[in-house]
Amino acid sequence: MSNRLKEVGERIRQARKTAGINQEKLAELLDISTSYVSDIENGKTNIGLEIFMRITEVLQVSADWLLMTDTPTVSIIHNNEISSLISSCSNEEIKAIKNIIKELNTLTKSINKG
């Protein structure tokens, strides 16, 4: 099972729950079986383009967000999500996050050199 399929499936699950619908309702809206929805959300199956497009329409999410590939548009999505998360943090939490990011950057540079 591909990690990418699992990641996409998890984002589909997240979008479904945000939309307030269960797997049975999503299956009905997509005209597929509930077990197929489960397999998609668990990353157990490849998704055909037609089903993928219907998922984006039914759940009202962008394909970029579901796929989260390494593109400028996805970077903007990540930045917006981070900004949204940080906006609800206290100053102390923001300082802690900043320190974590600095440490992560230092560690990543160290690993890449070695």
PDB file of N, CA and C in Angstrom:
ATOM      1  N   MET A   1       0.852  -1.178   0.000  1.00  0.00           N
ATOM      2  CA  MET A   1       0.000   0.000   0.000  1.00  0.00           C
ATOM      3  C   MET A   1       0.893   1.235   0.000  1.00  0.00           C
ATOM      4  N   SER A   2       0.650   2.149  -0.912  1.00  0.00           N
ATOM      5  CA  SER A   2       1.448   3.353  -1.078  1.00  0.00           C
ATOM      6  C   SER A   2       1.165   4.367   0.030  1.00  0.00           C
ATOM      7  N   ASN A   3       2.244   4.988   0.524  1.00  0.00           N
ATOM      8  CA  ASN A   3       2.062   6.052   1.522  1.00  0.00           C
ATOM      9  C   ASN A   3       1.249   7.201   0.942  1.00  0.00           C
ATOM     10  N   ARG A   4       1.470   7.493  -0.326  1.00  0.00           N
ATOM     11  CA  ARG A   4       0.726   8.593  -0.947  1.00  0.00           C
ATOM     12  C   ARG A   4      -0.767   8.296  -0.982  1.00  0.00           C
ATOM     13  N   LEU A   5      -1.123   7.049  -1.292  1.00  0.00           N
ATOM     14  CA  LEU A   5      -2.540   6.683  -1.290  1.00  0.00           C
ATOM     15  C   LEU A   5      -3.137   6.827   0.096  1.00  0.00           C
ATOM     16  N   LYS A   6      -2.370   6.437   1.114  1.00  0.00           N
ATOM     17  CA  LYS A   6      -2.852   6.568   2.497  1.00  0.00           C
ATOM     18  C   LYS A   6      -3.046   8.036   2.854  1.00  0.00           C
ATOM     19  N   GLU A   7      -2.105   8.897   2.431  1.00  0.00           N
ATOM     20  CA  GLU A   7      -2.201  10.323   2.732  1.00  0.00           C
ATOM     21  C   GLU A   7      -3.410  10.946   2.043  1.00  0.00           C
ATOM     22  N   VAL A   8      -3.613  10.620   0.774  1.00  0.00           N
ATOM     23  CA  VAL A   8      -4.770  11.149   0.043  1.00  0.00           C
ATOM     24  C   VAL A   8      -6.054  10.629   0.690  1.00  0.00           C
ATOM     25  N   GLY A   9      -6.080   9.359   1.023  1.00  0.00           N
ATOM     26  CA  GLY A   9      -7.253   8.775   1.670  1.00  0.00           C
ATOM     27  C   GLY A   9      -7.575   9.450   2.990  1.00  0.00           C
ATOM     28  N   GLU A  10      -6.541   9.760   3.753  1.00  0.00           N
ATOM     29  CA  GLU A  10      -6.754  10.432   5.038  1.00  0.00           C
ATOM     30  C   GLU A  10      -7.321  11.837   4.830  1.00  0.00           C
ATOM     31  N   ARG A  11      -6.841  12.542   3.798  1.00  0.00           N
ATOM     32  CA  ARG A  11      -7.384  13.875   3.525  1.00  0.00           C
ATOM     33  C   ARG A  11      -8.840  13.780   3.045  1.00  0.00           C
ATOM     34  N   ILE A  12      -9.154  12.738   2.277  1.00  0.00           N
ATOM     35  CA  ILE A  12     -10.546  12.543   1.855  1.00  0.00           C
ATOM     36  C   ILE A  12     -11.414  12.291   3.085  1.00  0.00           C
ATOM     37  N   ARG A  13     -10.932  11.455   4.007  1.00  0.00           N
ATOM     38  CA  ARG A  13     -11.673  11.189   5.251  1.00  0.00           C
ATOM     39  C   ARG A  13     -11.886  12.491   6.023  1.00  0.00           C
ATOM     40  N   GLN A  14     -10.827  13.277   6.126  1.00  0.00           N
ATOM     41  CA  GLN A  14     -10.908  14.552   6.846  1.00  0.00           C
ATOM     42  C   GLN A  14     -11.943  15.473   6.192  1.00  0.00           C
ATOM     43  N   ALA A  15     -11.912  15.568   4.875  1.00  0.00           N
ATOM     44  CA  ALA A  15     -12.857  16.433   4.159  1.00  0.00           C
ATOM     45  C   ALA A  15     -14.288  15.921   4.321  1.00  0.00           C
ATOM     46  N   ARG A  16     -14.450  14.599   4.294  1.00  0.00           N
ATOM     47  CA  ARG A  16     -15.778  14.012   4.476  1.00  0.00           C
ATOM     48  C   ARG A  16     -16.331  14.349   5.847  1.00  0.00           C
ATOM     49  N   LYS A  17     -15.493  14.208   6.861  1.00  0.00           N
ATOM     50  CA  LYS A  17     -15.943  14.499   8.223  1.00  0.00           C
ATOM     51  C   LYS A  17     -16.234  15.985   8.398  1.00  0.00           C
ATOM     52  N   THR A  18     -15.410  16.832   7.792  1.00  0.00           N
ATOM     53  CA  THR A  18     -15.646  18.275   7.848  1.00  0.00           C
ATOM     54  C   THR A  18     -16.983  18.617   7.191  1.00  0.00           C
ATOM     55  N   ALA A  19     -17.307  17.892   6.127  1.00  0.00           N
ATOM     56  CA  ALA A  19     -18.585  18.108   5.438  1.00  0.00           C
ATOM     57  C   ALA A  19     -19.754  17.543   6.228  1.00  0.00           C
ATOM     58  N   GLY A  20     -19.449  16.770   7.264  1.00  0.00           N
ATOM     59  CA  GLY A  20     -20.502  16.236   8.118  1.00  0.00           C
ATOM     60  C   GLY A  20     -21.271  15.070   7.516  1.00  0.00           C
ATOM     61  N   ILE A  21     -20.593  14.302   6.659  1.00  0.00           N
ATOM     62  CA  ILE A  21     -21.275  13.147   6.080  1.00  0.00           C
ATOM     63  C   ILE A  21     -20.517  11.868   6.413  1.00  0.00           C
ATOM     64  N   ASN A  22     -21.244  10.777   6.479  1.00  0.00           N
ATOM     65  CA  ASN A  22     -20.615   9.494   6.772  1.00  0.00           C
ATOM     66  C   ASN A  22     -20.221   8.791   5.474  1.00  0.00           C
ATOM     67  N   GLN A  23     -19.534   7.669   5.605  1.00  0.00           N
ATOM     68  CA  GLN A  23     -19.082   6.941   4.422  1.00  0.00           C
ATOM     69  C   GLN A  23     -20.245   6.480   3.546  1.00  0.00           C
ATOM     70  N   GLU A  24     -21.330   6.075   4.178  1.00  0.00           N
ATOM     71  CA  GLU A  24     -22.484   5.595   3.422  1.00  0.00           C
ATOM     72  C   GLU A  24     -23.060   6.704   2.531  1.00  0.00           C
ATOM     73  N   LYS A  25     -23.166   7.905   3.089  1.00  0.00           N
ATOM     74  CA  LYS A  25     -23.705   9.035   2.328  1.00  0.00           C
ATOM     75  C   LYS A  25     -22.758   9.417   1.193  1.00  0.00           C
ATOM     76  N   LEU A  26     -21.441   9.421   1.483  1.00  0.00           N
ATOM     77  CA  LEU A  26     -20.475   9.740   0.426  1.00  0.00           C
ATOM     78  C   LEU A  26     -20.563   8.702  -0.688  1.00  0.00           C
ATOM     79  N   ALA A  27     -20.655   7.450  -0.322  1.00  0.00           N
ATOM     80  CA  ALA A  27     -20.781   6.385  -1.321  1.00  0.00           C
ATOM     81  C   ALA A  27     -22.017   6.611  -2.194  1.00  0.00           C
ATOM     82  N   GLU A  28     -23.118   6.964  -1.553  1.00  0.00           N
ATOM     83  CA  GLU A  28     -24.360   7.228  -2.287  1.00  0.00           C
ATOM     84  C   GLU A  28     -24.179   8.403  -3.252  1.00  0.00           C
ATOM     85  N   LEU A  29     -23.564   9.475  -2.776  1.00  0.00           N
ATOM     86  CA  LEU A  29     -23.362  10.663  -3.622  1.00  0.00           C
ATOM     87  C   LEU A  29     -22.415  10.391  -4.787  1.00  0.00           C
ATOM     88  N   LEU A  30     -21.468   9.479  -4.577  1.00  0.00           N
ATOM     89  CA  LEU A  30     -20.495   9.147  -5.619  1.00  0.00           C
ATOM     90  C   LEU A  30     -20.948   7.982  -6.492  1.00  0.00           C
ATOM     91  N   ASP A  31     -22.034   7.336  -6.086  1.00  0.00           N
ATOM     92  CA  ASP A  31     -22.561   6.156  -6.780  1.00  0.00           C
ATOM     93  C   ASP A  31     -21.528   5.023  -6.804  1.00  0.00           C
ATOM     94  N   ILE A  32     -20.933   4.788  -5.617  1.00  0.00           N
ATOM     95  CA  ILE A  32     -20.002   3.680  -5.437  1.00  0.00           C
ATOM     96  C   ILE A  32     -20.370   2.975  -4.127  1.00  0.00           C
ATOM     97  N   SER A  33     -19.734   1.854  -3.865  1.00  0.00           N
ATOM     98  CA  SER A  33     -20.053   1.111  -2.642  1.00  0.00           C
ATOM     99  C   SER A  33     -19.371   1.731  -1.425  1.00  0.00           C
ATOM    100  N   THR A  34     -19.952   1.502  -0.270  1.00  0.00           N
ATOM    101  CA  THR A  34     -19.367   1.977   0.987  1.00  0.00           C
ATOM    102  C   THR A  34     -18.010   1.332   1.223  1.00  0.00           C
ATOM    103  N   SER A  35     -17.864   0.067   0.847  1.00  0.00           N
ATOM    104  CA  SER A  35     -16.570  -0.598   1.028  1.00  0.00           C
ATOM    105  C   SER A  35     -15.495   0.038   0.149  1.00  0.00           C
ATOM    106  N   TYR A  36     -15.887   0.532  -1.037  1.00  0.00           N
ATOM    107  CA  TYR A  36     -14.923   1.211  -1.903  1.00  0.00           C
ATOM    108  C   TYR A  36     -14.499   2.542  -1.279  1.00  0.00           C
ATOM    109  N   VAL A  37     -15.431   3.266  -0.686  1.00  0.00           N
ATOM    110  CA  VAL A  37     -15.092   4.508   0.025  1.00  0.00           C
ATOM    111  C   VAL A  37     -14.108   4.189   1.148  1.00  0.00           C
ATOM    112  N   SER A  38     -14.384   3.132   1.889  1.00  0.00           N
ATOM    113  CA  SER A  38     -13.488   2.727   2.977  1.00  0.00           C
ATOM    114  C   SER A  38     -12.098   2.396   2.444  1.00  0.00           C
ATOM    115  N   ASP A  39     -12.039   1.652   1.349  1.00  0.00           N
ATOM    116  CA  ASP A  39     -10.740   1.304   0.755  1.00  0.00           C
ATOM    117  C   ASP A  39      -9.989   2.557   0.295  1.00  0.00           C
ATOM    118  N   ILE A  40     -10.707   3.529  -0.266  1.00  0.00           N
ATOM    119  CA  ILE A  40     -10.079   4.785  -0.691  1.00  0.00           C
ATOM    120  C   ILE A  40      -9.506   5.513   0.527  1.00  0.00           C
ATOM    121  N   GLU A  41     -10.324   5.661   1.570  1.00  0.00           N
ATOM    122  CA  GLU A  41      -9.895   6.391   2.760  1.00  0.00           C
ATOM    123  C   GLU A  41      -8.751   5.698   3.490  1.00  0.00           C
ATOM    124  N   ASN A  42      -8.653   4.393   3.352  1.00  0.00           N
ATOM    125  CA  ASN A  42      -7.573   3.652   4.003  1.00  0.00           C
ATOM    126  C   ASN A  42      -6.369   3.437   3.092  1.00  0.00           C
ATOM    127  N   GLY A  43      -6.415   4.024   1.889  1.00  0.00           N
ATOM    128  CA  GLY A  43      -5.290   3.926   0.969  1.00  0.00           C
ATOM    129  C   GLY A  43      -5.077   2.541   0.404  1.00  0.00           C
ATOM    130  N   LYS A  44      -6.140   1.764   0.329  1.00  0.00           N
ATOM    131  CA  LYS A  44      -6.028   0.378  -0.136  1.00  0.00           C
ATOM    132  C   LYS A  44      -6.280   0.212  -1.623  1.00  0.00           C
ATOM    133  N   THR A  45      -6.677   1.291  -2.288  1.00  0.00           N
ATOM    134  CA  THR A  45      -6.994   1.179  -3.707  1.00  0.00           C
ATOM    135  C   THR A  45      -6.633   2.469  -4.433  1.00  0.00           C
ATOM    136  N   ASN A  46      -6.267   2.324  -5.697  1.00  0.00           N
ATOM    137  CA  ASN A  46      -6.079   3.499  -6.544  1.00  0.00           C
ATOM    138  C   ASN A  46      -7.444   4.081  -6.873  1.00  0.00           C
ATOM    139  N   ILE A  47      -7.468   5.377  -7.035  1.00  0.00           N
ATOM    140  CA  ILE A  47      -8.719   6.058  -7.362  1.00  0.00           C
ATOM    141  C   ILE A  47      -8.676   6.422  -8.838  1.00  0.00           C
ATOM    142  N   GLY A  48      -9.726   6.062  -9.557  1.00  0.00           N
ATOM    143  CA  GLY A  48      -9.828   6.479 -10.949  1.00  0.00           C
ATOM    144  C   GLY A  48     -10.077   7.979 -11.023  1.00  0.00           C
ATOM    145  N   LEU A  49      -9.699   8.567 -12.137  1.00  0.00           N
ATOM    146  CA  LEU A  49      -9.833  10.014 -12.315  1.00  0.00           C
ATOM    147  C   LEU A  49     -11.278  10.472 -12.174  1.00  0.00           C
ATOM    148  N   GLU A  50     -12.215   9.716 -12.738  1.00  0.00           N
ATOM    149  CA  GLU A  50     -13.624  10.102 -12.667  1.00  0.00           C
ATOM    150  C   GLU A  50     -14.107  10.164 -11.213  1.00  0.00           C
ATOM    151  N   ILE A  51     -13.783   9.150 -10.417  1.00  0.00           N
ATOM    152  CA  ILE A  51     -14.173   9.126  -9.004  1.00  0.00           C
ATOM    153  C   ILE A  51     -13.469  10.253  -8.256  1.00  0.00           C
ATOM    154  N   PHE A  52     -12.185  10.443  -8.535  1.00  0.00           N
ATOM    155  CA  PHE A  52     -11.417  11.499  -7.868  1.00  0.00           C
ATOM    156  C   PHE A  52     -12.058  12.857  -8.117  1.00  0.00           C
ATOM    157  N   MET A  53     -12.422  13.131  -9.366  1.00  0.00           N
ATOM    158  CA  MET A  53     -13.050  14.411  -9.695  1.00  0.00           C
ATOM    159  C   MET A  53     -14.386  14.571  -8.985  1.00  0.00           C
ATOM    160  N   ARG A  54     -15.160  13.494  -8.918  1.00  0.00           N
ATOM    161  CA  ARG A  54     -16.448  13.569  -8.216  1.00  0.00           C
ATOM    162  C   ARG A  54     -16.245  13.804  -6.722  1.00  0.00           C
ATOM    163  N   ILE A  55     -15.191  13.205  -6.157  1.00  0.00           N
ATOM    164  CA  ILE A  55     -14.900  13.425  -4.737  1.00  0.00           C
ATOM    165  C   ILE A  55     -14.638  14.903  -4.484  1.00  0.00           C
ATOM    166  N   THR A  56     -13.827  15.536  -5.342  1.00  0.00           N
ATOM    167  CA  THR A  56     -13.526  16.960  -5.140  1.00  0.00           C
ATOM    168  C   THR A  56     -14.796  17.804  -5.227  1.00  0.00           C
ATOM    169  N   GLU A  57     -15.691  17.439  -6.132  1.00  0.00           N
ATOM    170  CA  GLU A  57     -16.940  18.194  -6.291  1.00  0.00           C
ATOM    171  C   GLU A  57     -17.888  17.974  -5.106  1.00  0.00           C
ATOM    172  N   VAL A  58     -18.069  16.723  -4.723  1.00  0.00           N
ATOM    173  CA  VAL A  58     -18.998  16.412  -3.636  1.00  0.00           C
ATOM    174  C   VAL A  58     -18.511  17.008  -2.316  1.00  0.00           C
ATOM    175  N   LEU A  59     -17.213  16.877  -2.046  1.00  0.00           N
ATOM    176  CA  LEU A  59     -16.670  17.366  -0.779  1.00  0.00           C
ATOM    177  C   LEU A  59     -16.237  18.827  -0.838  1.00  0.00           C
ATOM    178  N   GLN A  60     -16.302  19.421  -2.042  1.00  0.00           N
ATOM    179  CA  GLN A  60     -15.933  20.830  -2.235  1.00  0.00           C
ATOM    180  C   GLN A  60     -14.522  21.128  -1.727  1.00  0.00           C
ATOM    181  N   VAL A  61     -13.571  20.296  -2.189  1.00  0.00           N
ATOM    182  CA  VAL A  61     -12.154  20.487  -1.872  1.00  0.00           C
ATOM    183  C   VAL A  61     -11.373  20.494  -3.172  1.00  0.00           C
ATOM    184  N   SER A  62     -10.222  21.144  -3.153  1.00  0.00           N
ATOM    185  CA  SER A  62      -9.420  21.197  -4.371  1.00  0.00           C
ATOM    186  C   SER A  62      -8.608  19.921  -4.541  1.00  0.00           C
ATOM    187  N   ALA A  63      -8.367  19.580  -5.790  1.00  0.00           N
ATOM    188  CA  ALA A  63      -7.505  18.432  -6.088  1.00  0.00           C
ATOM    189  C   ALA A  63      -6.108  18.675  -5.530  1.00  0.00           C
ATOM    190  N   ASP A  64      -5.647  19.923  -5.594  1.00  0.00           N
ATOM    191  CA  ASP A  64      -4.326  20.261  -5.035  1.00  0.00           C
ATOM    192  C   ASP A  64      -4.251  19.888  -3.561  1.00  0.00           C
ATOM    193  N   TRP A  65      -5.295  20.232  -2.815  1.00  0.00           N
ATOM    194  CA  TRP A  65      -5.283  19.937  -1.380  1.00  0.00           C
ATOM    195  C   TRP A  65      -5.303  18.433  -1.141  1.00  0.00           C
ATOM    196  N   LEU A  66      -6.103  17.712  -1.903  1.00  0.00           N
ATOM    197  CA  LEU A  66      -6.167  16.266  -1.714  1.00  0.00           C
ATOM    198  C   LEU A  66      -4.842  15.591  -2.065  1.00  0.00           C
ATOM    199  N   LEU A  67      -4.217  16.032  -3.134  1.00  0.00           N
ATOM    200  CA  LEU A  67      -2.982  15.389  -3.583  1.00  0.00           C
ATOM    201  C   LEU A  67      -1.753  15.866  -2.815  1.00  0.00           C
ATOM    202  N   MET A  68      -1.727  17.150  -2.459  1.00  0.00           N
ATOM    203  CA  MET A  68      -0.602  17.752  -1.741  1.00  0.00           C
ATOM    204  C   MET A  68       0.749  17.410  -2.366  1.00  0.00           C
ATOM    205  N   THR A  69       0.827  17.528  -3.692  1.00  0.00           N
ATOM    206  CA  THR A  69       2.097  17.320  -4.374  1.00  0.00           C
ATOM    207  C   THR A  69       2.978  18.545  -4.183  1.00  0.00           C
ATOM    208  N   ASP A  70       4.219  18.441  -4.585  1.00  0.00           N
ATOM    209  CA  ASP A  70       5.180  19.517  -4.376  1.00  0.00           C
ATOM    210  C   ASP A  70       5.063  20.556  -5.491  1.00  0.00           C
ATOM    211  N   THR A  71       4.074  21.448  -5.341  1.00  0.00           N
ATOM    212  CA  THR A  71       3.840  22.502  -6.325  1.00  0.00           C
ATOM    213  C   THR A  71       3.658  23.828  -5.606  1.00  0.00           C
ATOM    214  N   PRO A  72       3.851  24.939  -6.313  1.00  0.00           N
ATOM    215  CA  PRO A  72       3.660  26.252  -5.669  1.00  0.00           C
ATOM    216  C   PRO A  72       2.266  26.422  -5.066  1.00  0.00           C
ATOM    217  N   THR A  73       1.243  25.916  -5.741  1.00  0.00           N
ATOM    218  CA  THR A  73      -0.117  26.045  -5.220  1.00  0.00           C
ATOM    219  C   THR A  73      -0.259  25.331  -3.891  1.00  0.00           C
ATOM    220  N   VAL A  74       0.343  24.157  -3.775  1.00  0.00           N
ATOM    221  CA  VAL A  74       0.267  23.410  -2.527  1.00  0.00           C
ATOM    222  C   VAL A  74       1.057  24.113  -1.432  1.00  0.00           C
ATOM    223  N   SER A  75       2.149  24.749  -1.787  1.00  0.00           N
ATOM    224  CA  SER A  75       2.902  25.532  -0.798  1.00  0.00           C
ATOM    225  C   SER A  75       2.022  26.639  -0.224  1.00  0.00           C
ATOM    226  N   ILE A  76       1.226  27.262  -1.067  1.00  0.00           N
ATOM    227  CA  ILE A  76       0.303  28.297  -0.607  1.00  0.00           C
ATOM    228  C   ILE A  76      -0.736  27.688   0.338  1.00  0.00           C
ATOM    229  N   ILE A  77      -1.231  26.510  -0.007  1.00  0.00           N
ATOM    230  CA  ILE A  77      -2.204  25.830   0.859  1.00  0.00           C
ATOM    231  C   ILE A  77      -1.582  25.552   2.226  1.00  0.00           C
ATOM    232  N   HIS A  78      -0.356  25.016   2.223  1.00  0.00           N
ATOM    233  CA  HIS A  78       0.336  24.750   3.486  1.00  0.00           C
ATOM    234  C   HIS A  78       0.515  26.039   4.291  1.00  0.00           C
ATOM    235  N   ASN A  79       0.958  27.089   3.629  1.00  0.00           N
ATOM    236  CA  ASN A  79       1.166  28.365   4.319  1.00  0.00           C
ATOM    237  C   ASN A  79      -0.128  28.893   4.925  1.00  0.00           C
ATOM    238  N   ASN A  80      -1.225  28.771   4.189  1.00  0.00           N
ATOM    239  CA  ASN A  80      -2.517  29.218   4.712  1.00  0.00           C
ATOM    240  C   ASN A  80      -2.951  28.387   5.910  1.00  0.00           C
ATOM    241  N   GLU A  81      -2.718  27.072   5.847  1.00  0.00           N
ATOM    242  CA  GLU A  81      -3.075  26.212   6.980  1.00  0.00           C
ATOM    243  C   GLU A  81      -2.248  26.568   8.212  1.00  0.00           C
ATOM    244  N   ILE A  82      -0.954  26.801   7.991  1.00  0.00           N
ATOM    245  CA  ILE A  82      -0.071  27.165   9.108  1.00  0.00           C
ATOM    246  C   ILE A  82      -0.509  28.505   9.691  1.00  0.00           C
ATOM    247  N   SER A  83      -0.797  29.468   8.842  1.00  0.00           N
ATOM    248  CA  SER A  83      -1.255  30.777   9.322  1.00  0.00           C
ATOM    249  C   SER A  83      -2.533  30.653  10.130  1.00  0.00           C
ATOM    250  N   SER A  84      -3.443  29.826   9.657  1.00  0.00           N
ATOM    251  CA  SER A  84      -4.696  29.622  10.367  1.00  0.00           C
ATOM    252  C   SER A  84      -4.456  28.997  11.740  1.00  0.00           C
ATOM    253  N   LEU A  85      -3.579  28.009  11.791  1.00  0.00           N
ATOM    254  CA  LEU A  85      -3.267  27.363  13.066  1.00  0.00           C
ATOM    255  C   LEU A  85      -2.586  28.325  14.032  1.00  0.00           C
ATOM    256  N   ILE A  86      -1.655  29.114  13.521  1.00  0.00           N
ATOM    257  CA  ILE A  86      -0.905  30.036  14.367  1.00  0.00           C
ATOM    258  C   ILE A  86      -1.791  31.165  14.874  1.00  0.00           C
ATOM    259  N   SER A  87      -2.779  31.553  14.089  1.00  0.00           N
ATOM    260  CA  SER A  87      -3.627  32.683  14.491  1.00  0.00           C
ATOM    261  C   SER A  87      -4.358  32.434  15.807  1.00  0.00           C
ATOM    262  N   SER A  88      -4.539  31.179  16.162  1.00  0.00           N
ATOM    263  CA  SER A  88      -5.235  30.879  17.416  1.00  0.00           C
ATOM    264  C   SER A  88      -4.274  30.583  18.569  1.00  0.00           C
ATOM    265  N   CYS A  89      -2.973  30.767  18.324  1.00  0.00           N
ATOM    266  CA  CYS A  89      -1.960  30.479  19.358  1.00  0.00           C
ATOM    267  C   CYS A  89      -1.651  31.724  20.193  1.00  0.00           C
ATOM    268  N   SER A  90      -1.236  31.468  21.424  1.00  0.00           N
ATOM    269  CA  SER A  90      -0.753  32.555  22.283  1.00  0.00           C
ATOM    270  C   SER A  90       0.666  32.930  21.851  1.00  0.00           C
ATOM    271  N   ASN A  91       1.157  34.056  22.359  1.00  0.00           N
ATOM    272  CA  ASN A  91       2.522  34.476  22.036  1.00  0.00           C
ATOM    273  C   ASN A  91       3.541  33.425  22.470  1.00  0.00           C
ATOM    274  N   GLU A  92       3.315  32.816  23.627  1.00  0.00           N
ATOM    275  CA  GLU A  92       4.224  31.768  24.110  1.00  0.00           C
ATOM    276  C   GLU A  92       4.235  30.567  23.177  1.00  0.00           C
ATOM    277  N   GLU A  93       3.061  30.177  22.709  1.00  0.00           N
ATOM    278  CA  GLU A  93       2.977  29.051  21.781  1.00  0.00           C
ATOM    279  C   GLU A  93       3.675  29.378  20.461  1.00  0.00           C
ATOM    280  N   ILE A  94       3.506  30.598  19.987  1.00  0.00           N
ATOM    281  CA  ILE A  94       4.154  31.020  18.744  1.00  0.00           C
ATOM    282  C   ILE A  94       5.673  30.979  18.901  1.00  0.00           C
ATOM    283  N   LYS A  95       6.181  31.443  20.039  1.00  0.00           N
ATOM    284  CA  LYS A  95       7.625  31.381  20.290  1.00  0.00           C
ATOM    285  C   LYS A  95       8.114  29.934  20.298  1.00  0.00           C
ATOM    286  N   ALA A  96       7.351  29.055  20.925  1.00  0.00           N
ATOM    287  CA  ALA A  96       7.726  27.639  20.970  1.00  0.00           C
ATOM    288  C   ALA A  96       7.743  27.040  19.565  1.00  0.00           C
ATOM    289  N   ILE A  97       6.746  27.365  18.762  1.00  0.00           N
ATOM    290  CA  ILE A  97       6.679  26.877  17.383  1.00  0.00           C
ATOM    291  C   ILE A  97       7.883  27.383  16.591  1.00  0.00           C
ATOM    292  N   LYS A  98       8.200  28.658  16.763  1.00  0.00           N
ATOM    293  CA  LYS A  98       9.350  29.246  16.069  1.00  0.00           C
ATOM    294  C   LYS A  98      10.631  28.506  16.436  1.00  0.00           C
ATOM    295  N   ASN A  99      10.805  28.195  17.717  1.00  0.00           N
ATOM    296  CA  ASN A  99      11.999  27.473  18.157  1.00  0.00           C
ATOM    297  C   ASN A  99      12.050  26.057  17.581  1.00  0.00           C
ATOM    298  N   ILE A 100      10.907  25.406  17.526  1.00  0.00           N
ATOM    299  CA  ILE A 100      10.846  24.063  16.947  1.00  0.00           C
ATOM    300  C   ILE A 100      11.253  24.101  15.474  1.00  0.00           C
ATOM    301  N   ILE A 101      10.748  25.087  14.750  1.00  0.00           N
ATOM    302  CA  ILE A 101      11.078  25.220  13.325  1.00  0.00           C
ATOM    303  C   ILE A 101      12.572  25.476  13.152  1.00  0.00           C
ATOM    304  N   LYS A 102      13.147  26.339  13.972  1.00  0.00           N
ATOM    305  CA  LYS A 102      14.587  26.608  13.892  1.00  0.00           C
ATOM    306  C   LYS A 102      15.391  25.331  14.129  1.00  0.00           C
ATOM    307  N   GLU A 103      15.009  24.571  15.153  1.00  0.00           N
ATOM    308  CA  GLU A 103      15.712  23.319  15.470  1.00  0.00           C
ATOM    309  C   GLU A 103      15.561  22.306  14.337  1.00  0.00           C
ATOM    310  N   LEU A 104      14.373  22.224  13.781  1.00  0.00           N
ATOM    311  CA  LEU A 104      14.132  21.310  12.672  1.00  0.00           C
ATOM    312  C   LEU A 104      14.982  21.679  11.465  1.00  0.00           C
ATOM    313  N   ASN A 105      15.061  22.977  11.159  1.00  0.00           N
ATOM    314  CA  ASN A 105      15.892  23.434  10.044  1.00  0.00           C
ATOM    315  C   ASN A 105      17.359  23.100  10.278  1.00  0.00           C
ATOM    316  N   THR A 106      17.842  23.313  11.495  1.00  0.00           N
ATOM    317  CA  THR A 106      19.232  22.998  11.825  1.00  0.00           C
ATOM    318  C   THR A 106      19.490  21.506  11.679  1.00  0.00           C
ATOM    319  N   LEU A 107      18.591  20.689  12.191  1.00  0.00           N
ATOM    320  CA  LEU A 107      18.726  19.246  12.104  1.00  0.00           C
ATOM    321  C   LEU A 107      18.716  18.779  10.657  1.00  0.00           C
ATOM    322  N   THR A 108      17.791  19.317   9.859  1.00  0.00           N
ATOM    323  CA  THR A 108      17.685  18.935   8.447  1.00  0.00           C
ATOM    324  C   THR A 108      18.963  19.293   7.697  1.00  0.00           C
ATOM    325  N   LYS A 109      19.524  20.481   7.949  1.00  0.00           N
ATOM    326  CA  LYS A 109      20.780  20.882   7.299  1.00  0.00           C
ATOM    327  C   LYS A 109      21.905  19.968   7.702  1.00  0.00           C
ATOM    328  N   SER A 110      21.931  19.587   8.963  1.00  0.00           N
ATOM    329  CA  SER A 110      22.978  18.691   9.469  1.00  0.00           C
ATOM    330  C   SER A 110      22.877  17.315   8.811  1.00  0.00           C
ATOM    331  N   ILE A 111      21.669  16.806   8.669  1.00  0.00           N
ATOM    332  CA  ILE A 111      21.463  15.501   8.039  1.00  0.00           C
ATOM    333  C   ILE A 111      21.847  15.547   6.577  1.00  0.00           C
ATOM    334  N   ASN A 112      21.489  16.617   5.897  1.00  0.00           N
ATOM    335  CA  ASN A 112      21.783  16.742   4.468  1.00  0.00           C
ATOM    336  C   ASN A 112      23.272  16.874   4.193  1.00  0.00           C
ATOM    337  N   LYS A 113      24.036  17.407   5.135  1.00  0.00           N
ATOM    338  CA  LYS A 113      25.491  17.531   4.958  1.00  0.00           C
ATOM    339  C   LYS A 113      26.184  16.176   5.110  1.00  0.00           C
ATOM    340  N   GLY A 114      25.637  15.373   6.025  1.00  0.00           N
ATOM    341  CA  GLY A 114      26.289  14.143   6.432  1.00  0.00           C
ATOM    342  C   GLY A 114      26.138  13.002   5.545  1.00  0.00           C
TER     343      GLY A 114
END
